[in-house]
Amino acid sequence: MMTVLTKRADFLAANKGLRNARSGFVLQTRPNGGAGIRFGITVTKKIGNAVVRNRMKRRFRELLRDALPDNGLADHDHVLIGRAGGVERDFAKLEQELQIALAHAAQGKGDSRRRRPPKGARR
């Protein structure tokens, strides 16, 4: 059984876990201490207006409902963060990318975290 993440603290905790970036989304995974498979979706206003964001969330919800029962990490939180390329991306391509990201997460592989330049540093 899958549960939806609703509390901000759960999303912040997932942010400290493994991160797998793809062109349409970023998948974050983190163990949740035996609470089963849980998932959450985040799409910021940078992506577009409400119609675009809601469409992306619907697509992500469907992706996760298909993939997580078979390929999700047991007793982990999974958070999908939308990226600008994910709205117009082909659904089959998103499915493939999610499978790859879940496989990497299952192996304990994650992308390195981006380092922010110190405050006051010029680009």
PDB file of N, CA and C in Angstrom:
ATOM      1  N   MET A   1       0.838  -1.193   0.000  1.00  0.00           N
ATOM      2  CA  MET A   1       0.000   0.000   0.000  1.00  0.00           C
ATOM      3  C   MET A   1       0.877   1.249   0.000  1.00  0.00           C
ATOM      4  N   MET A   2       0.466   2.224  -0.806  1.00  0.00           N
ATOM      5  CA  MET A   2       1.226   3.467  -0.897  1.00  0.00           C
ATOM      6  C   MET A   2       0.464   4.582  -0.199  1.00  0.00           C
ATOM      7  N   THR A   3       1.215   5.454   0.432  1.00  0.00           N
ATOM      8  CA  THR A   3       0.646   6.592   1.134  1.00  0.00           C
ATOM      9  C   THR A   3       1.213   7.869   0.526  1.00  0.00           C
ATOM     10  N   VAL A   4       0.420   8.928   0.552  1.00  0.00           N
ATOM     11  CA  VAL A   4       0.847  10.212   0.005  1.00  0.00           C
ATOM     12  C   VAL A   4       1.454  11.062   1.123  1.00  0.00           C
ATOM     13  N   LEU A   5       2.591  11.677   0.848  1.00  0.00           N
ATOM     14  CA  LEU A   5       3.220  12.588   1.798  1.00  0.00           C
ATOM     15  C   LEU A   5       2.448  13.906   1.790  1.00  0.00           C
ATOM     16  N   THR A   6       2.121  14.403   2.972  1.00  0.00           N
ATOM     17  CA  THR A   6       1.397  15.663   3.058  1.00  0.00           C
ATOM     18  C   THR A   6       2.091  16.675   3.962  1.00  0.00           C
ATOM     19  N   LYS A   7       2.941  16.220   4.859  1.00  0.00           N
ATOM     20  CA  LYS A   7       3.571  17.123   5.815  1.00  0.00           C
ATOM     21  C   LYS A   7       4.883  17.675   5.268  1.00  0.00           C
ATOM     22  N   ARG A   8       5.086  18.947   5.488  1.00  0.00           N
ATOM     23  CA  ARG A   8       6.298  19.616   5.017  1.00  0.00           C
ATOM     24  C   ARG A   8       7.552  18.953   5.577  1.00  0.00           C
ATOM     25  N   ALA A   9       7.491  18.507   6.819  1.00  0.00           N
ATOM     26  CA  ALA A   9       8.644  17.872   7.454  1.00  0.00           C
ATOM     27  C   ALA A   9       9.074  16.622   6.690  1.00  0.00           C
ATOM     28  N   ASP A  10       8.120  15.883   6.128  1.00  0.00           N
ATOM     29  CA  ASP A  10       8.459  14.691   5.347  1.00  0.00           C
ATOM     30  C   ASP A  10       9.195  15.069   4.057  1.00  0.00           C
ATOM     31  N   PHE A  11       8.756  16.153   3.421  1.00  0.00           N
ATOM     32  CA  PHE A  11       9.421  16.610   2.205  1.00  0.00           C
ATOM     33  C   PHE A  11      10.836  17.103   2.516  1.00  0.00           C
ATOM     34  N   LEU A  12      10.987  17.815   3.625  1.00  0.00           N
ATOM     35  CA  LEU A  12      12.308  18.300   4.016  1.00  0.00           C
ATOM     36  C   LEU A  12      13.237  17.143   4.365  1.00  0.00           C
ATOM     37  N   ALA A  13      12.706  16.102   4.999  1.00  0.00           N
ATOM     38  CA  ALA A  13      13.515  14.931   5.326  1.00  0.00           C
ATOM     39  C   ALA A  13      13.955  14.222   4.047  1.00  0.00           C
ATOM     40  N   ALA A  14      13.064  14.111   3.065  1.00  0.00           N
ATOM     41  CA  ALA A  14      13.409  13.458   1.798  1.00  0.00           C
ATOM     42  C   ALA A  14      14.514  14.218   1.077  1.00  0.00           C
ATOM     43  N   ASN A  15      14.552  15.522   1.285  1.00  0.00           N
ATOM     44  CA  ASN A  15      15.574  16.353   0.650  1.00  0.00           C
ATOM     45  C   ASN A  15      16.981  15.984   1.113  1.00  0.00           C
ATOM     46  N   LYS A  16      17.084  15.329   2.266  1.00  0.00           N
ATOM     47  CA  LYS A  16      18.386  14.935   2.793  1.00  0.00           C
ATOM     48  C   LYS A  16      18.806  13.552   2.320  1.00  0.00           C
ATOM     49  N   GLY A  17      17.944  12.881   1.552  1.00  0.00           N
ATOM     50  CA  GLY A  17      18.239  11.531   1.067  1.00  0.00           C
ATOM     51  C   GLY A  17      18.953  11.545  -0.265  1.00  0.00           C
ATOM     52  N   LEU A  18      18.839  10.433  -0.982  1.00  0.00           N
ATOM     53  CA  LEU A  18      19.457  10.301  -2.302  1.00  0.00           C
ATOM     54  C   LEU A  18      18.715  11.144  -3.322  1.00  0.00           C
ATOM     55  N   ARG A  19      19.459  11.687  -4.269  1.00  0.00           N
ATOM     56  CA  ARG A  19      18.882  12.556  -5.295  1.00  0.00           C
ATOM     57  C   ARG A  19      19.305  12.020  -6.656  1.00  0.00           C
ATOM     58  N   ASN A  20      18.310  11.754  -7.531  1.00  0.00           N
ATOM     59  CA  ASN A  20      18.579  11.308  -8.896  1.00  0.00           C
ATOM     60  C   ASN A  20      17.893  12.263  -9.856  1.00  0.00           C
ATOM     61  N   ALA A  21      18.676  13.050 -10.573  1.00  0.00           N
ATOM     62  CA  ALA A  21      18.128  14.056 -11.485  1.00  0.00           C
ATOM     63  C   ALA A  21      18.010  13.492 -12.889  1.00  0.00           C
ATOM     64  N   ARG A  22      16.903  13.777 -13.527  1.00  0.00           N
ATOM     65  CA  ARG A  22      16.652  13.454 -14.932  1.00  0.00           C
ATOM     66  C   ARG A  22      16.184  14.736 -15.604  1.00  0.00           C
ATOM     67  N   SER A  23      16.020  14.693 -16.904  1.00  0.00           N
ATOM     68  CA  SER A  23      15.673  15.930 -17.604  1.00  0.00           C
ATOM     69  C   SER A  23      14.268  16.419 -17.278  1.00  0.00           C
ATOM     70  N   GLY A  24      13.342  15.545 -16.915  1.00  0.00           N
ATOM     71  CA  GLY A  24      11.981  15.970 -16.627  1.00  0.00           C
ATOM     72  C   GLY A  24      11.664  16.124 -15.154  1.00  0.00           C
ATOM     73  N   PHE A  25      12.491  15.540 -14.290  1.00  0.00           N
ATOM     74  CA  PHE A  25      12.185  15.556 -12.855  1.00  0.00           C
ATOM     75  C   PHE A  25      13.434  15.233 -12.046  1.00  0.00           C
ATOM     76  N   VAL A  26      13.316  15.410 -10.739  1.00  0.00           N
ATOM     77  CA  VAL A  26      14.333  14.971  -9.787  1.00  0.00           C
ATOM     78  C   VAL A  26      13.635  14.012  -8.831  1.00  0.00           C
ATOM     79  N   LEU A  27      14.205  12.836  -8.633  1.00  0.00           N
ATOM     80  CA  LEU A  27      13.657  11.864  -7.694  1.00  0.00           C
ATOM     81  C   LEU A  27      14.500  11.873  -6.431  1.00  0.00           C
ATOM     82  N   GLN A  28      13.848  12.088  -5.308  1.00  0.00           N
ATOM     83  CA  GLN A  28      14.528  12.020  -4.017  1.00  0.00           C
ATOM     84  C   GLN A  28      13.981  10.816  -3.264  1.00  0.00           C
ATOM     85  N   THR A  29      14.866  10.024  -2.675  1.00  0.00           N
ATOM     86  CA  THR A  29      14.452   8.862  -1.894  1.00  0.00           C
ATOM     87  C   THR A  29      15.152   8.888  -0.549  1.00  0.00           C
ATOM     88  N   ARG A  30      14.427   8.424   0.458  1.00  0.00           N
ATOM     89  CA  ARG A  30      14.997   8.369   1.806  1.00  0.00           C
ATOM     90  C   ARG A  30      14.251   7.319   2.622  1.00  0.00           C
ATOM     91  N   PRO A  31      14.963   6.510   3.415  1.00  0.00           N
ATOM     92  CA  PRO A  31      14.279   5.529   4.281  1.00  0.00           C
ATOM     93  C   PRO A  31      13.358   6.236   5.269  1.00  0.00           C
ATOM     94  N   ASN A  32      12.209   5.624   5.552  1.00  0.00           N
ATOM     95  CA  ASN A  32      11.246   6.268   6.444  1.00  0.00           C
ATOM     96  C   ASN A  32      10.972   5.466   7.713  1.00  0.00           C
ATOM     97  N   GLY A  33      11.810   4.512   8.025  1.00  0.00           N
ATOM     98  CA  GLY A  33      11.674   3.799   9.287  1.00  0.00           C
ATOM     99  C   GLY A  33      10.510   2.829   9.351  1.00  0.00           C
ATOM    100  N   GLY A  34      10.197   2.177   8.248  1.00  0.00           N
ATOM    101  CA  GLY A  34       9.160   1.151   8.263  1.00  0.00           C
ATOM    102  C   GLY A  34       7.753   1.640   8.003  1.00  0.00           C
ATOM    103  N   ALA A  35       7.579   2.813   7.432  1.00  0.00           N
ATOM    104  CA  ALA A  35       6.242   3.350   7.171  1.00  0.00           C
ATOM    105  C   ALA A  35       5.696   2.910   5.818  1.00  0.00           C
ATOM    106  N   GLY A  36       6.402   2.024   5.120  1.00  0.00           N
ATOM    107  CA  GLY A  36       5.945   1.558   3.815  1.00  0.00           C
ATOM    108  C   GLY A  36       6.388   2.485   2.709  1.00  0.00           C
ATOM    109  N   ILE A  37       5.832   2.249   1.517  1.00  0.00           N
ATOM    110  CA  ILE A  37       6.160   3.091   0.368  1.00  0.00           C
ATOM    111  C   ILE A  37       5.290   4.337   0.421  1.00  0.00           C
ATOM    112  N   ARG A  38       5.945   5.494   0.473  1.00  0.00           N
ATOM    113  CA  ARG A  38       5.215   6.768   0.472  1.00  0.00           C
ATOM    114  C   ARG A  38       5.763   7.632  -0.655  1.00  0.00           C
ATOM    115  N   PHE A  39       4.910   8.497  -1.199  1.00  0.00           N
ATOM    116  CA  PHE A  39       5.365   9.364  -2.275  1.00  0.00           C
ATOM    117  C   PHE A  39       4.783  10.753  -2.136  1.00  0.00           C
ATOM    118  N   GLY A  40       5.499  11.720  -2.714  1.00  0.00           N
ATOM    119  CA  GLY A  40       5.060  13.104  -2.740  1.00  0.00           C
ATOM    120  C   GLY A  40       5.493  13.744  -4.046  1.00  0.00           C
ATOM    121  N   ILE A  41       4.804  14.804  -4.425  1.00  0.00           N
ATOM    122  CA  ILE A  41       5.089  15.497  -5.677  1.00  0.00           C
ATOM    123  C   ILE A  41       5.183  16.988  -5.400  1.00  0.00           C
ATOM    124  N   THR A  42       6.190  17.624  -5.983  1.00  0.00           N
ATOM    125  CA  THR A  42       6.368  19.056  -5.844  1.00  0.00           C
ATOM    126  C   THR A  42       6.607  19.668  -7.220  1.00  0.00           C
ATOM    127  N   VAL A  43       5.855  20.702  -7.531  1.00  0.00           N
ATOM    128  CA  VAL A  43       6.050  21.446  -8.773  1.00  0.00           C
ATOM    129  C   VAL A  43       5.979  22.927  -8.417  1.00  0.00           C
ATOM    130  N   THR A  44       7.059  23.660  -8.658  1.00  0.00           N
ATOM    131  CA  THR A  44       7.116  25.064  -8.263  1.00  0.00           C
ATOM    132  C   THR A  44       6.472  25.965  -9.306  1.00  0.00           C
ATOM    133  N   LYS A  45       6.260  27.203  -8.932  1.00  0.00           N
ATOM    134  CA  LYS A  45       5.648  28.174  -9.835  1.00  0.00           C
ATOM    135  C   LYS A  45       6.564  28.542 -10.994  1.00  0.00           C
ATOM    136  N   LYS A  46       7.853  28.217 -10.879  1.00  0.00           N
ATOM    137  CA  LYS A  46       8.779  28.482 -11.977  1.00  0.00           C
ATOM    138  C   LYS A  46       8.385  27.686 -13.227  1.00  0.00           C
ATOM    139  N   ILE A  47       7.706  26.576 -13.029  1.00  0.00           N
ATOM    140  CA  ILE A  47       7.354  25.679 -14.130  1.00  0.00           C
ATOM    141  C   ILE A  47       6.291  26.297 -15.027  1.00  0.00           C
ATOM    142  N   GLY A  48       5.323  26.977 -14.436  1.00  0.00           N
ATOM    143  CA  GLY A  48       4.263  27.566 -15.243  1.00  0.00           C
ATOM    144  C   GLY A  48       3.081  27.952 -14.385  1.00  0.00           C
ATOM    145  N   ASN A  49       1.962  28.251 -15.051  1.00  0.00           N
ATOM    146  CA  ASN A  49       0.767  28.648 -14.312  1.00  0.00           C
ATOM    147  C   ASN A  49       0.098  27.417 -13.682  1.00  0.00           C
ATOM    148  N   ALA A  50      -1.011  27.620 -13.010  1.00  0.00           N
ATOM    149  CA  ALA A  50      -1.666  26.543 -12.265  1.00  0.00           C
ATOM    150  C   ALA A  50      -2.090  25.394 -13.167  1.00  0.00           C
ATOM    151  N   VAL A  51      -2.544  25.705 -14.361  1.00  0.00           N
ATOM    152  CA  VAL A  51      -2.982  24.665 -15.279  1.00  0.00           C
ATOM    153  C   VAL A  51      -1.807  23.747 -15.643  1.00  0.00           C
ATOM    154  N   VAL A  52      -0.668  24.331 -15.950  1.00  0.00           N
ATOM    155  CA  VAL A  52       0.524  23.569 -16.317  1.00  0.00           C
ATOM    156  C   VAL A  52       1.022  22.747 -15.126  1.00  0.00           C
ATOM    157  N   ARG A  53       1.070  23.370 -13.960  1.00  0.00           N
ATOM    158  CA  ARG A  53       1.549  22.653 -12.763  1.00  0.00           C
ATOM    159  C   ARG A  53       0.642  21.482 -12.418  1.00  0.00           C
ATOM    160  N   ASN A  54      -0.666  21.685 -12.491  1.00  0.00           N
ATOM    161  CA  ASN A  54      -1.596  20.605 -12.164  1.00  0.00           C
ATOM    162  C   ASN A  54      -1.511  19.472 -13.174  1.00  0.00           C
ATOM    163  N   ARG A  55      -1.305  19.810 -14.437  1.00  0.00           N
ATOM    164  CA  ARG A  55      -1.145  18.771 -15.457  1.00  0.00           C
ATOM    165  C   ARG A  55       0.090  17.934 -15.156  1.00  0.00           C
ATOM    166  N   MET A  56       1.173  18.606 -14.788  1.00  0.00           N
ATOM    167  CA  MET A  56       2.406  17.897 -14.466  1.00  0.00           C
ATOM    168  C   MET A  56       2.207  16.992 -13.249  1.00  0.00           C
ATOM    169  N   LYS A  57       1.513  17.491 -12.239  1.00  0.00           N
ATOM    170  CA  LYS A  57       1.269  16.691 -11.039  1.00  0.00           C
ATOM    171  C   LYS A  57       0.426  15.461 -11.356  1.00  0.00           C
ATOM    172  N   ARG A  58      -0.573  15.619 -12.223  1.00  0.00           N
ATOM    173  CA  ARG A  58      -1.394  14.463 -12.624  1.00  0.00           C
ATOM    174  C   ARG A  58      -0.546  13.417 -13.337  1.00  0.00           C
ATOM    175  N   ARG A  59       0.328  13.878 -14.233  1.00  0.00           N
ATOM    176  CA  ARG A  59       1.208  12.950 -14.956  1.00  0.00           C
ATOM    177  C   ARG A  59       2.152  12.231 -13.987  1.00  0.00           C
ATOM    178  N   PHE A  60       2.728  12.967 -13.039  1.00  0.00           N
ATOM    179  CA  PHE A  60       3.632  12.360 -12.068  1.00  0.00           C
ATOM    180  C   PHE A  60       2.899  11.357 -11.182  1.00  0.00           C
ATOM    181  N   ARG A  61       1.693  11.706 -10.757  1.00  0.00           N
ATOM    182  CA  ARG A  61       0.903  10.807  -9.916  1.00  0.00           C
ATOM    183  C   ARG A  61       0.689   9.470 -10.625  1.00  0.00           C
ATOM    184  N   GLU A  62       0.341   9.544 -11.896  1.00  0.00           N
ATOM    185  CA  GLU A  62       0.124   8.322 -12.675  1.00  0.00           C
ATOM    186  C   GLU A  62       1.413   7.532 -12.834  1.00  0.00           C
ATOM    187  N   LEU A  63       2.514   8.228 -13.091  1.00  0.00           N
ATOM    188  CA  LEU A  63       3.816   7.560 -13.193  1.00  0.00           C
ATOM    189  C   LEU A  63       4.137   6.783 -11.918  1.00  0.00           C
ATOM    190  N   LEU A  64       3.974   7.449 -10.788  1.00  0.00           N
ATOM    191  CA  LEU A  64       4.318   6.821  -9.511  1.00  0.00           C
ATOM    192  C   LEU A  64       3.381   5.670  -9.170  1.00  0.00           C
ATOM    193  N   ARG A  65       2.106   5.815  -9.458  1.00  0.00           N
ATOM    194  CA  ARG A  65       1.156   4.725  -9.174  1.00  0.00           C
ATOM    195  C   ARG A  65       1.467   3.489  -9.999  1.00  0.00           C
ATOM    196  N   ASP A  66       1.990   3.676 -11.210  1.00  0.00           N
ATOM    197  CA  ASP A  66       2.366   2.535 -12.047  1.00  0.00           C
ATOM    198  C   ASP A  66       3.678   1.910 -11.600  1.00  0.00           C
ATOM    199  N   ALA A  67       4.662   2.743 -11.266  1.00  0.00           N
ATOM    200  CA  ALA A  67       6.021   2.247 -11.043  1.00  0.00           C
ATOM    201  C   ALA A  67       6.303   1.787  -9.616  1.00  0.00           C
ATOM    202  N   LEU A  68       5.784   2.483  -8.627  1.00  0.00           N
ATOM    203  CA  LEU A  68       6.197   2.203  -7.249  1.00  0.00           C
ATOM    204  C   LEU A  68       5.795   0.833  -6.705  1.00  0.00           C
ATOM    205  N   PRO A  69       4.600   0.307  -7.010  1.00  0.00           N
ATOM    206  CA  PRO A  69       4.286  -1.007  -6.436  1.00  0.00           C
ATOM    207  C   PRO A  69       5.298  -2.094  -6.814  1.00  0.00           C
ATOM    208  N   ASP A  70       5.838  -2.040  -8.022  1.00  0.00           N
ATOM    209  CA  ASP A  70       6.790  -3.065  -8.463  1.00  0.00           C
ATOM    210  C   ASP A  70       8.241  -2.672  -8.238  1.00  0.00           C
ATOM    211  N   ASN A  71       8.564  -1.403  -8.474  1.00  0.00           N
ATOM    212  CA  ASN A  71       9.968  -0.975  -8.469  1.00  0.00           C
ATOM    213  C   ASN A  71      10.341  -0.011  -7.355  1.00  0.00           C
ATOM    214  N   GLY A  72       9.386   0.400  -6.544  1.00  0.00           N
ATOM    215  CA  GLY A  72       9.680   1.338  -5.472  1.00  0.00           C
ATOM    216  C   GLY A  72      10.498   0.689  -4.373  1.00  0.00           C
ATOM    217  N   LEU A  73      11.228   1.491  -3.654  1.00  0.00           N
ATOM    218  CA  LEU A  73      12.036   0.997  -2.547  1.00  0.00           C
ATOM    219  C   LEU A  73      11.143   0.793  -1.327  1.00  0.00           C
ATOM    220  N   ALA A  74      11.196  -0.385  -0.757  1.00  0.00           N
ATOM    221  CA  ALA A  74      10.364  -0.695   0.401  1.00  0.00           C
ATOM    222  C   ALA A  74      10.764   0.207   1.572  1.00  0.00           C
ATOM    223  N   ASP A  75       9.767   0.673   2.305  1.00  0.00           N
ATOM    224  CA  ASP A  75       9.974   1.520   3.492  1.00  0.00           C
ATOM    225  C   ASP A  75      10.832   2.747   3.176  1.00  0.00           C
ATOM    226  N   HIS A  76      10.530   3.395   2.067  1.00  0.00           N
ATOM    227  CA  HIS A  76      11.198   4.624   1.651  1.00  0.00           C
ATOM    228  C   HIS A  76      10.163   5.671   1.258  1.00  0.00           C
ATOM    229  N   ASP A  77      10.556   6.935   1.399  1.00  0.00           N
ATOM    230  CA  ASP A  77       9.780   8.040   0.857  1.00  0.00           C
ATOM    231  C   ASP A  77      10.347   8.371  -0.515  1.00  0.00           C
ATOM    232  N   HIS A  78       9.458   8.606  -1.473  1.00  0.00           N
ATOM    233  CA  HIS A  78       9.849   8.975  -2.834  1.00  0.00           C
ATOM    234  C   HIS A  78       9.227  10.334  -3.122  1.00  0.00           C
ATOM    235  N   VAL A  79      10.043  11.308  -3.500  1.00  0.00           N
ATOM    236  CA  VAL A  79       9.528  12.640  -3.831  1.00  0.00           C
ATOM    237  C   VAL A  79       9.974  12.983  -5.249  1.00  0.00           C
ATOM    238  N   LEU A  80       8.994  13.326  -6.094  1.00  0.00           N
ATOM    239  CA  LEU A  80       9.288  13.772  -7.454  1.00  0.00           C
ATOM    240  C   LEU A  80       9.171  15.285  -7.500  1.00  0.00           C
ATOM    241  N   ILE A  81      10.202  15.934  -7.969  1.00  0.00           N
ATOM    242  CA  ILE A  81      10.207  17.389  -8.117  1.00  0.00           C
ATOM    243  C   ILE A  81      10.196  17.686  -9.615  1.00  0.00           C
ATOM    244  N   GLY A  82       9.202  18.431 -10.056  1.00  0.00           N
ATOM    245  CA  GLY A  82       9.064  18.728 -11.471  1.00  0.00           C
ATOM    246  C   GLY A  82      10.124  19.686 -11.969  1.00  0.00           C
ATOM    247  N   ARG A  83      10.577  19.442 -13.189  1.00  0.00           N
ATOM    248  CA  ARG A  83      11.508  20.334 -13.862  1.00  0.00           C
ATOM    249  C   ARG A  83      10.835  20.853 -15.126  1.00  0.00           C
ATOM    250  N   ALA A  84      11.357  21.940 -15.650  1.00  0.00           N
ATOM    251  CA  ALA A  84      10.723  22.607 -16.789  1.00  0.00           C
ATOM    252  C   ALA A  84      10.527  21.675 -17.978  1.00  0.00           C
ATOM    253  N   GLY A  85      11.423  20.739 -18.213  1.00  0.00           N
ATOM    254  CA  GLY A  85      11.301  19.850 -19.362  1.00  0.00           C
ATOM    255  C   GLY A  85      10.268  18.749 -19.202  1.00  0.00           C
ATOM    256  N   GLY A  86       9.691  18.600 -18.036  1.00  0.00           N
ATOM    257  CA  GLY A  86       8.789  17.483 -17.780  1.00  0.00           C
ATOM    258  C   GLY A  86       7.385  17.648 -18.304  1.00  0.00           C
ATOM    259  N   VAL A  87       6.966  18.861 -18.600  1.00  0.00           N
ATOM    260  CA  VAL A  87       5.582  19.089 -19.018  1.00  0.00           C
ATOM    261  C   VAL A  87       5.341  18.551 -20.417  1.00  0.00           C
ATOM    262  N   GLU A  88       6.199  18.924 -21.353  1.00  0.00           N
ATOM    263  CA  GLU A  88       5.971  18.522 -22.734  1.00  0.00           C
ATOM    264  C   GLU A  88       6.662  17.207 -23.090  1.00  0.00           C
ATOM    265  N   ARG A  89       7.346  16.599 -22.140  1.00  0.00           N
ATOM    266  CA  ARG A  89       8.079  15.362 -22.381  1.00  0.00           C
ATOM    267  C   ARG A  89       7.119  14.197 -22.629  1.00  0.00           C
ATOM    268  N   ASP A  90       7.505  13.303 -23.508  1.00  0.00           N
ATOM    269  CA  ASP A  90       6.694  12.128 -23.821  1.00  0.00           C
ATOM    270  C   ASP A  90       6.519  11.257 -22.571  1.00  0.00           C
ATOM    271  N   PHE A  91       5.296  10.774 -22.355  1.00  0.00           N
ATOM    272  CA  PHE A  91       4.994  10.012 -21.137  1.00  0.00           C
ATOM    273  C   PHE A  91       5.818   8.731 -21.072  1.00  0.00           C
ATOM    274  N   ALA A  92       5.983   8.049 -22.195  1.00  0.00           N
ATOM    275  CA  ALA A  92       6.775   6.813 -22.219  1.00  0.00           C
ATOM    276  C   ALA A  92       8.227   7.102 -21.840  1.00  0.00           C
ATOM    277  N   LYS A  93       8.739   8.240 -22.294  1.00  0.00           N
ATOM    278  CA  LYS A  93      10.112   8.628 -21.953  1.00  0.00           C
ATOM    279  C   LYS A  93      10.240   8.900 -20.447  1.00  0.00           C
ATOM    280  N   LEU A  94       9.224   9.568 -19.881  1.00  0.00           N
ATOM    281  CA  LEU A  94       9.232   9.811 -18.435  1.00  0.00           C
ATOM    282  C   LEU A  94       9.211   8.489 -17.665  1.00  0.00           C
ATOM    283  N   GLU A  95       8.435   7.522 -18.146  1.00  0.00           N
ATOM    284  CA  GLU A  95       8.384   6.211 -17.487  1.00  0.00           C
ATOM    285  C   GLU A  95       9.756   5.544 -17.484  1.00  0.00           C
ATOM    286  N   GLN A  96      10.438   5.594 -18.631  1.00  0.00           N
ATOM    287  CA  GLN A  96      11.780   5.015 -18.718  1.00  0.00           C
ATOM    288  C   GLN A  96      12.744   5.703 -17.753  1.00  0.00           C
ATOM    289  N   GLU A  97      12.682   7.017 -17.726  1.00  0.00           N
ATOM    290  CA  GLU A  97      13.586   7.771 -16.847  1.00  0.00           C
ATOM    291  C   GLU A  97      13.311   7.457 -15.378  1.00  0.00           C
ATOM    292  N   LEU A  98      12.032   7.291 -15.029  1.00  0.00           N
ATOM    293  CA  LEU A  98      11.691   6.955 -13.644  1.00  0.00           C
ATOM    294  C   LEU A  98      12.211   5.567 -13.286  1.00  0.00           C
ATOM    295  N   GLN A  99      12.098   4.618 -14.204  1.00  0.00           N
ATOM    296  CA  GLN A  99      12.619   3.264 -13.950  1.00  0.00           C
ATOM    297  C   GLN A  99      14.128   3.319 -13.702  1.00  0.00           C
ATOM    298  N   ILE A 100      14.821   4.097 -14.521  1.00  0.00           N
ATOM    299  CA  ILE A 100      16.274   4.225 -14.362  1.00  0.00           C
ATOM    300  C   ILE A 100      16.609   4.874 -13.023  1.00  0.00           C
ATOM    301  N   ALA A 101      15.891   5.947 -12.689  1.00  0.00           N
ATOM    302  CA  ALA A 101      16.148   6.646 -11.422  1.00  0.00           C
ATOM    303  C   ALA A 101      15.874   5.736 -10.227  1.00  0.00           C
ATOM    304  N   LEU A 102      14.800   4.940 -10.284  1.00  0.00           N
ATOM    305  CA  LEU A 102      14.492   4.012  -9.184  1.00  0.00           C
ATOM    306  C   LEU A 102      15.556   2.922  -9.077  1.00  0.00           C
ATOM    307  N   ALA A 103      16.045   2.441 -10.217  1.00  0.00           N
ATOM    308  CA  ALA A 103      17.100   1.424 -10.203  1.00  0.00           C
ATOM    309  C   ALA A 103      18.379   1.978  -9.580  1.00  0.00           C
ATOM    310  N   HIS A 104      18.726   3.209  -9.922  1.00  0.00           N
ATOM    311  CA  HIS A 104      19.918   3.847  -9.331  1.00  0.00           C
ATOM    312  C   HIS A 104      19.736   4.013  -7.828  1.00  0.00           C
ATOM    313  N   ALA A 105      18.549   4.439  -7.414  1.00  0.00           N
ATOM    314  CA  ALA A 105      18.283   4.631  -5.983  1.00  0.00           C
ATOM    315  C   ALA A 105      18.359   3.301  -5.234  1.00  0.00           C
ATOM    316  N   ALA A 106      17.864   2.228  -5.858  1.00  0.00           N
ATOM    317  CA  ALA A 106      17.907   0.910  -5.221  1.00  0.00           C
ATOM    318  C   ALA A 106      19.342   0.441  -5.017  1.00  0.00           C
ATOM    319  N   GLN A 107      20.239   0.868  -5.909  1.00  0.00           N
ATOM    320  CA  GLN A 107      21.652   0.512  -5.784  1.00  0.00           C
ATOM    321  C   GLN A 107      22.398   1.461  -4.852  1.00  0.00           C
ATOM    322  N   GLY A 108      21.717   2.479  -4.357  1.00  0.00           N
ATOM    323  CA  GLY A 108      22.354   3.439  -3.467  1.00  0.00           C
ATOM    324  C   GLY A 108      23.126   4.515  -4.206  1.00  0.00           C
ATOM    325  N   LYS A 109      22.902   4.616  -5.516  1.00  0.00           N
ATOM    326  CA  LYS A 109      23.595   5.635  -6.307  1.00  0.00           C
ATOM    327  C   LYS A 109      22.755   6.894  -6.372  1.00  0.00           C
ATOM    328  N   GLY A 110      23.392   8.019  -6.209  1.00  0.00           N
ATOM    329  CA  GLY A 110      22.706   9.293  -6.316  1.00  0.00           C
ATOM    330  C   GLY A 110      23.610  10.313  -6.977  1.00  0.00           C
ATOM    331  N   ASP A 111      23.007  11.370  -7.477  1.00  0.00           N
ATOM    332  CA  ASP A 111      23.775  12.454  -8.079  1.00  0.00           C
ATOM    333  C   ASP A 111      24.374  13.302  -6.966  1.00  0.00           C
ATOM    334  N   SER A 112      25.490  13.928  -7.272  1.00  0.00           N
ATOM    335  CA  SER A 112      26.106  14.805  -6.277  1.00  0.00           C
ATOM    336  C   SER A 112      25.236  16.045  -6.096  1.00  0.00           C
ATOM    337  N   ARG A 113      25.275  16.567  -4.926  1.00  0.00           N
ATOM    338  CA  ARG A 113      24.494  17.768  -4.636  1.00  0.00           C
ATOM    339  C   ARG A 113      25.189  18.968  -5.236  1.00  0.00           C
ATOM    340  N   ARG A 114      24.367  19.898  -5.724  1.00  0.00           N
ATOM    341  CA  ARG A 114      24.926  21.140  -6.262  1.00  0.00           C
ATOM    342  C   ARG A 114      25.422  21.993  -5.122  1.00  0.00           C
ATOM    343  N   ARG A 115      26.551  22.587  -5.317  1.00  0.00           N
ATOM    344  CA  ARG A 115      27.095  23.501  -4.306  1.00  0.00           C
ATOM    345  C   ARG A 115      26.681  24.908  -4.661  1.00  0.00           C
ATOM    346  N   ARG A 116      26.096  25.594  -3.731  1.00  0.00           N
ATOM    347  CA  ARG A 116      25.736  26.993  -3.956  1.00  0.00           C
ATOM    348  C   ARG A 116      26.949  27.852  -3.695  1.00  0.00           C
ATOM    349  N   PRO A 117      27.133  28.874  -4.517  1.00  0.00           N
ATOM    350  CA  PRO A 117      28.260  29.768  -4.247  1.00  0.00           C
ATOM    351  C   PRO A 117      28.025  30.531  -2.953  1.00  0.00           C
ATOM    352  N   PRO A 118      29.076  30.840  -2.216  1.00  0.00           N
ATOM    353  CA  PRO A 118      28.896  31.584  -0.960  1.00  0.00           C
ATOM    354  C   PRO A 118      28.246  32.936  -1.220  1.00  0.00           C
ATOM    355  N   LYS A 119      27.550  33.440  -0.218  1.00  0.00           N
ATOM    356  CA  LYS A 119      26.893  34.739  -0.370  1.00  0.00           C
ATOM    357  C   LYS A 119      27.930  35.806  -0.672  1.00  0.00           C
ATOM    358  N   GLY A 120      27.592  36.646  -1.611  1.00  0.00           N
ATOM    359  CA  GLY A 120      28.500  37.712  -1.982  1.00  0.00           C
ATOM    360  C   GLY A 120      29.459  37.335  -3.097  1.00  0.00           C
ATOM    361  N   ALA A 121      29.516  36.051  -3.447  1.00  0.00           N
ATOM    362  CA  ALA A 121      30.406  35.625  -4.529  1.00  0.00           C
ATOM    363  C   ALA A 121      29.801  36.017  -5.868  1.00  0.00           C
ATOM    364  N   ARG A 122      30.640  36.475  -6.749  1.00  0.00           N
ATOM    365  CA  ARG A 122      30.172  36.888  -8.069  1.00  0.00           C
ATOM    366  C   ARG A 122      30.283  35.742  -9.046  1.00  0.00           C
ATOM    367  N   ARG A 123      29.406  35.786 -10.045  1.00  0.00           N
ATOM    368  CA  ARG A 123      29.447  34.751 -11.083  1.00  0.00           C
ATOM    369  C   ARG A 123      30.245  35.205 -12.247  1.00  0.00           C
TER     370      ARG A 123
END
